Amino acid sequence: MKKKGQYAKVTTKIGAGPAVQVMELREWSISGSSEKIDSSVAGEVWANHEIGRFSWEGEATCISGDQYWLDLLAGKVEITFFDNASDLKAAYVGTASIDFERGTPHDDLIESTLTFTGAGALTSPANTP
């Protein structure tokens, strides 16, 4: 099934409480990476490396958001990313800390840009049977 990225939402969960949708998004992106530990030795023609720890980070631009997430800057929250409004399973779920930037242009909507720094694994429930 092909999907279009026409809708995205982020929900967050604090402690044992229910997940709450905290923002309407224009867009979101996340990226994962691994540490590359140089394991090259003298005399080898090609460089070599081992794979170390994994990490993820992301960014979201929202046009509306509950202001309570500003209080979350001092902690970590579980974030759930969805591709479409009709999706039953999340595209990705992870725990992260949040930073933000807010802009107020005179000729457009007020936007907030959130950056996420992952703390632990980023999982993909949509790809789990």
Protein backbone atom coordinates (compact mmCIF):
# COMPACT_ATOMS: atom_id res chain seq x y z
CA MET A 1 0.00 0.00 0.00
CA LYS A 2 1.36 3.39 -0.98
CA LYS A 3 1.06 6.25 1.48
CA LYS A 4 1.02 9.97 1.00
CA GLY A 5 2.46 12.25 3.63
CA GLN A 6 -0.55 14.56 3.73
CA TYR A 7 -1.05 14.35 7.46
CA ALA A 8 1.16 13.95 10.46
CA LYS A 9 0.66 14.22 14.18
CA VAL A 10 2.77 13.81 17.25
CA THR A 11 1.44 12.48 20.50
CA THR A 12 3.35 12.41 23.72
CA LYS A 13 3.00 10.35 26.85
CA ILE A 14 4.21 11.38 30.26
CA GLY A 15 4.53 8.63 32.85
CA ALA A 16 1.58 6.23 33.01
CA GLY A 17 -0.92 8.74 31.64
CA PRO A 18 -2.65 8.43 28.28
CA ALA A 19 -1.02 9.67 25.07
CA VAL A 20 -2.09 13.21 24.19
CA GLN A 21 -1.87 14.84 20.77
CA VAL A 22 0.20 17.96 21.35
CA MET A 23 0.56 19.54 17.93
CA GLU A 24 -0.63 19.86 14.36
CA LEU A 25 2.35 19.49 12.09
CA ARG A 26 3.32 20.95 8.80
CA GLU A 27 6.11 18.42 8.63
CA TRP A 28 8.35 16.17 10.67
CA SER A 29 11.57 14.33 9.98
CA ILE A 30 13.73 11.95 11.95
CA SER A 31 17.09 10.41 11.24
CA GLY A 32 19.04 7.58 12.78
CA SER A 33 22.75 6.95 12.73
CA SER A 34 25.47 4.78 14.20
CA GLU A 35 28.93 5.61 15.53
CA LYS A 36 31.70 4.59 13.15
CA ILE A 37 34.75 3.42 15.11
CA ASP A 38 37.92 3.42 13.01
CA SER A 39 39.46 -0.06 13.00
CA SER A 40 41.95 0.51 10.19
CA VAL A 41 45.47 -0.81 10.64
CA ALA A 42 48.79 0.17 9.12
CA GLY A 43 49.44 -1.30 5.71
CA GLU A 44 45.78 -1.66 4.68
CA VAL A 45 44.80 0.13 1.47
CA TRP A 46 41.17 0.68 2.47
CA ALA A 47 39.86 2.19 5.68
CA ASN A 48 37.73 -0.04 7.90
CA HIS A 49 35.39 0.59 10.82
CA GLU A 50 33.26 -1.08 13.46
CA ILE A 51 29.74 0.00 14.30
CA GLY A 52 29.23 1.47 17.76
CA ARG A 53 26.18 2.94 19.44
CA PHE A 54 23.06 4.06 17.61
CA SER A 55 21.33 7.41 17.96
CA TRP A 56 18.39 9.31 16.52
CA GLU A 57 17.21 12.88 16.28
CA GLY A 58 14.45 14.75 14.57
CA GLU A 59 12.64 17.93 13.90
CA ALA A 60 9.02 19.01 13.54
CA THR A 61 7.43 22.24 12.43
CA CYS A 62 4.05 22.90 13.95
CA ILE A 63 1.47 25.60 13.43
CA SER A 64 -0.47 24.82 16.56
CA GLY A 65 0.59 23.18 19.77
CA ASP A 66 -0.42 22.89 23.37
CA GLN A 67 1.83 25.24 25.29
CA TYR A 68 2.33 22.73 28.08
CA TRP A 69 5.17 21.08 26.13
CA LEU A 70 7.31 24.09 27.01
CA ASP A 71 7.30 22.72 30.55
CA LEU A 72 8.78 19.48 29.21
CA LEU A 73 12.15 21.01 28.31
CA ALA A 74 13.63 19.75 31.58
CA GLY A 75 12.60 16.12 31.02
CA LYS A 76 12.17 13.36 28.49
CA VAL A 77 8.89 12.36 26.87
CA GLU A 78 7.69 9.52 24.68
CA ILE A 79 6.91 10.78 21.19
CA THR A 80 4.78 8.92 18.67
CA PHE A 81 4.99 9.91 14.99
CA PHE A 82 2.17 9.11 12.52
CA ASP A 83 2.23 9.38 8.71
CA ASN A 84 -1.52 9.62 8.11
CA ALA A 85 -4.62 10.42 10.15
CA SER A 86 -6.08 6.99 9.35
CA ASP A 87 -3.02 5.02 10.50
CA LEU A 88 -3.76 2.63 13.34
CA LYS A 89 -0.08 2.03 14.07
CA ALA A 90 2.52 4.71 14.58
CA ALA A 91 5.31 5.14 12.05
CA TYR A 92 7.88 5.58 14.85
CA VAL A 93 7.97 5.76 18.64
CA GLY A 94 10.83 6.93 20.83
CA THR A 95 11.75 8.76 24.00
CA ALA A 96 13.46 12.11 23.54
CA SER A 97 14.25 15.48 25.00
CA ILE A 98 12.75 18.52 23.26
CA ASP A 99 14.13 21.93 22.31
CA PHE A 100 12.15 24.58 20.42
CA GLU A 101 12.33 27.75 18.38
CA ARG A 102 9.33 29.96 17.61
CA GLY A 103 8.90 32.52 14.87
CA THR A 104 6.18 35.09 14.22
CA PRO A 105 6.28 36.30 10.61
CA HIS A 106 4.04 39.20 9.65
CA ASP A 107 2.60 37.44 6.57
CA ASP A 108 2.20 33.80 7.59
CA LEU A 109 1.12 31.58 10.46
CA ILE A 110 3.07 31.48 13.70
CA GLU A 111 5.30 28.42 13.63
CA SER A 112 7.27 26.54 16.25
CA THR A 113 10.16 24.29 15.31
CA LEU A 114 10.84 21.47 17.74
CA THR A 115 14.03 19.44 17.74
CA PHE A 116 14.15 16.00 19.33
CA THR A 117 17.23 14.26 20.68
CA GLY A 118 16.58 10.57 21.15
CA ALA A 119 17.25 8.80 24.46
CA GLY A 120 17.21 5.10 23.72
CA ALA A 121 15.78 3.14 20.82
CA LEU A 122 13.54 4.49 18.06
CA THR A 123 11.08 1.75 17.09
CA SER A 124 8.73 1.31 14.15
CA PRO A 125 5.44 -0.30 15.28
CA ALA A 126 4.02 0.07 11.75
CA ASN A 127 6.55 -2.53 10.56
CA THR A 128 5.79 -4.98 13.36
CA PRO A 129 3.18 -7.66 12.58
